[in-house]
């Protein structure tokens, strides 16, 4: 019998371009689940220099990691600061 091995899936491996990142965040926002949104921002943050991002946001690396883990509960202020530091902005559109 053949020994089958699987590598660990990591979303970050597929976020290569700004378009990939925006499409990913748009898809996550469609779900509307706050913990999933925070975790998705954490994924995007891991594509960048996480330590520098934490400094830009005014948090410790550990604090930012916890907030964006999907288990944290970041404030809207933190989400906006992270988005801005990542070169992104939040926007709203009418729900259908």
C-alpha atoms as a PDB file:
ATOM      1  CA  UNK A   1       0.000   0.000   0.000  1.00  0.00           C
ATOM      2  CA  UNK A   2       1.260   3.450  -0.905  1.00  0.00           C
ATOM      3  CA  UNK A   3       1.933   5.918   1.905  1.00  0.00           C
ATOM      4  CA  UNK A   4       0.041   9.111   1.030  1.00  0.00           C
ATOM      5  CA  UNK A   5       1.175  12.390   2.558  1.00  0.00           C
ATOM      6  CA  UNK A   6      -0.628  15.666   2.461  1.00  0.00           C
ATOM      7  CA  UNK A   7       0.901  19.056   3.026  1.00  0.00           C
ATOM      8  CA  UNK A   8      -0.754  21.490   5.406  1.00  0.00           C
ATOM      9  CA  UNK A   9      -3.116  23.894   3.654  1.00  0.00           C
ATOM     10  CA  UNK A  10      -2.344  27.547   4.248  1.00  0.00           C
ATOM     11  CA  UNK A  11      -4.424  30.256   2.585  1.00  0.00           C
ATOM     12  CA  UNK A  12      -1.404  32.558   2.624  1.00  0.00           C
ATOM     13  CA  UNK A  13       0.232  30.364  -0.028  1.00  0.00           C
ATOM     14  CA  UNK A  14      -2.496  31.461  -2.465  1.00  0.00           C
ATOM     15  CA  UNK A  15      -2.506  35.199  -1.736  1.00  0.00           C
ATOM     16  CA  UNK A  16       0.098  36.196  -4.306  1.00  0.00           C
ATOM     17  CA  UNK A  17      -1.322  39.448  -5.713  1.00  0.00           C
ATOM     18  CA  UNK A  18      -3.371  42.399  -4.516  1.00  0.00           C
ATOM     19  CA  UNK A  19      -6.223  41.052  -6.645  1.00  0.00           C
ATOM     20  CA  UNK A  20      -6.016  37.693  -4.828  1.00  0.00           C
ATOM     21  CA  UNK A  21      -6.141  39.479  -1.475  1.00  0.00           C
ATOM     22  CA  UNK A  22      -9.107  41.662  -2.417  1.00  0.00           C
ATOM     23  CA  UNK A  23     -11.045  38.706  -3.862  1.00  0.00           C
ATOM     24  CA  UNK A  24     -10.352  36.676  -0.707  1.00  0.00           C
ATOM     25  CA  UNK A  25     -11.457  39.451   1.637  1.00  0.00           C
ATOM     26  CA  UNK A  26     -14.571  40.158  -0.465  1.00  0.00           C
ATOM     27  CA  UNK A  27     -15.535  36.475  -0.304  1.00  0.00           C
ATOM     28  CA  UNK A  28     -15.032  36.393   3.457  1.00  0.00           C
ATOM     29  CA  UNK A  29     -17.029  39.598   3.942  1.00  0.00           C
ATOM     30  CA  UNK A  30     -19.917  38.011   2.036  1.00  0.00           C
ATOM     31  CA  UNK A  31     -20.146  35.419   4.804  1.00  0.00           C
ATOM     32  CA  UNK A  32     -20.485  38.191   7.381  1.00  0.00           C
ATOM     33  CA  UNK A  33     -18.929  36.149  10.208  1.00  0.00           C
ATOM     34  CA  UNK A  34     -16.806  38.473  12.412  1.00  0.00           C
ATOM     35  CA  UNK A  35     -14.367  35.768  13.532  1.00  0.00           C
ATOM     36  CA  UNK A  36     -13.815  34.702   9.922  1.00  0.00           C
ATOM     37  CA  UNK A  37     -13.207  38.312   8.872  1.00  0.00           C
ATOM     38  CA  UNK A  38     -10.623  38.752  11.633  1.00  0.00           C
ATOM     39  CA  UNK A  39      -8.914  35.493  10.671  1.00  0.00           C
ATOM     40  CA  UNK A  40      -8.866  36.528   6.996  1.00  0.00           C
ATOM     41  CA  UNK A  41      -7.205  39.830   7.918  1.00  0.00           C
ATOM     42  CA  UNK A  42      -4.717  37.741   9.888  1.00  0.00           C
ATOM     43  CA  UNK A  43      -4.031  35.655   6.777  1.00  0.00           C
ATOM     44  CA  UNK A  44      -3.432  38.795   4.735  1.00  0.00           C
ATOM     45  CA  UNK A  45      -1.245  40.231   7.504  1.00  0.00           C
ATOM     46  CA  UNK A  46       0.914  37.093   7.362  1.00  0.00           C
ATOM     47  CA  UNK A  47       1.676  37.859   3.714  1.00  0.00           C
ATOM     48  CA  UNK A  48       3.428  40.994   4.931  1.00  0.00           C
ATOM     49  CA  UNK A  49       5.927  41.836   7.649  1.00  0.00           C
ATOM     50  CA  UNK A  50       3.738  41.027  10.664  1.00  0.00           C
ATOM     51  CA  UNK A  51       6.031  42.690  13.190  1.00  0.00           C
ATOM     52  CA  UNK A  52       6.112  45.933  11.205  1.00  0.00           C
ATOM     53  CA  UNK A  53       2.351  45.786  10.742  1.00  0.00           C
ATOM     54  CA  UNK A  54       1.897  45.467  14.515  1.00  0.00           C
ATOM     55  CA  UNK A  55       4.078  48.553  15.031  1.00  0.00           C
ATOM     56  CA  UNK A  56       2.117  50.466  12.368  1.00  0.00           C
ATOM     57  CA  UNK A  57      -1.157  49.574  14.112  1.00  0.00           C
ATOM     58  CA  UNK A  58       0.235  50.423  17.554  1.00  0.00           C
ATOM     59  CA  UNK A  59      -0.046  46.936  19.032  1.00  0.00           C
ATOM     60  CA  UNK A  60       2.345  44.256  20.152  1.00  0.00           C
ATOM     61  CA  UNK A  61       2.948  41.442  17.703  1.00  0.00           C
ATOM     62  CA  UNK A  62       1.347  39.001  20.132  1.00  0.00           C
ATOM     63  CA  UNK A  63      -1.664  41.253  20.670  1.00  0.00           C
ATOM     64  CA  UNK A  64      -2.231  41.656  16.950  1.00  0.00           C
ATOM     65  CA  UNK A  65      -1.762  37.930  16.372  1.00  0.00           C
ATOM     66  CA  UNK A  66      -4.372  37.170  19.031  1.00  0.00           C
ATOM     67  CA  UNK A  67      -6.810  39.778  17.677  1.00  0.00           C
ATOM     68  CA  UNK A  68      -6.548  38.394  14.135  1.00  0.00           C
ATOM     69  CA  UNK A  69      -6.491  34.719  15.055  1.00  0.00           C
ATOM     70  CA  UNK A  70     -10.187  34.120  14.515  1.00  0.00           C
ATOM     71  CA  UNK A  71     -10.519  33.502  18.244  1.00  0.00           C
ATOM     72  CA  UNK A  72      -9.962  37.128  19.188  1.00  0.00           C
ATOM     73  CA  UNK A  73     -12.555  39.851  19.034  1.00  0.00           C
ATOM     74  CA  UNK A  74     -10.834  42.905  17.529  1.00  0.00           C
ATOM     75  CA  UNK A  75     -12.562  46.240  17.787  1.00  0.00           C
ATOM     76  CA  UNK A  76     -13.723  47.963  14.630  1.00  0.00           C
ATOM     77  CA  UNK A  77     -10.962  50.477  15.297  1.00  0.00           C
ATOM     78  CA  UNK A  78      -8.356  47.706  15.154  1.00  0.00           C
ATOM     79  CA  UNK A  79      -9.848  46.264  11.971  1.00  0.00           C
ATOM     80  CA  UNK A  80      -9.778  49.691  10.305  1.00  0.00           C
ATOM     81  CA  UNK A  81      -6.181  50.325  11.449  1.00  0.00           C
ATOM     82  CA  UNK A  82      -5.043  46.926  10.154  1.00  0.00           C
ATOM     83  CA  UNK A  83      -6.808  47.433   6.832  1.00  0.00           C
ATOM     84  CA  UNK A  84      -5.231  50.878   6.463  1.00  0.00           C
ATOM     85  CA  UNK A  85      -1.762  49.576   7.373  1.00  0.00           C
ATOM     86  CA  UNK A  86      -2.213  46.857   4.723  1.00  0.00           C
ATOM     87  CA  UNK A  87      -3.065  49.489   2.135  1.00  0.00           C
ATOM     88  CA  UNK A  88      -6.739  48.512   2.100  1.00  0.00           C
ATOM     89  CA  UNK A  89      -9.945  50.306   2.977  1.00  0.00           C
ATOM     90  CA  UNK A  90     -13.278  49.063   4.170  1.00  0.00           C
ATOM     91  CA  UNK A  91     -16.328  49.784   2.079  1.00  0.00           C
ATOM     92  CA  UNK A  92     -19.991  48.985   2.228  1.00  0.00           C
ATOM     93  CA  UNK A  93     -22.509  48.131  -0.447  1.00  0.00           C
ATOM     94  CA  UNK A  94     -26.224  47.511  -0.337  1.00  0.00           C
ATOM     95  CA  UNK A  95     -27.267  43.971   0.534  1.00  0.00           C
ATOM     96  CA  UNK A  96     -29.627  42.419  -1.950  1.00  0.00           C
END
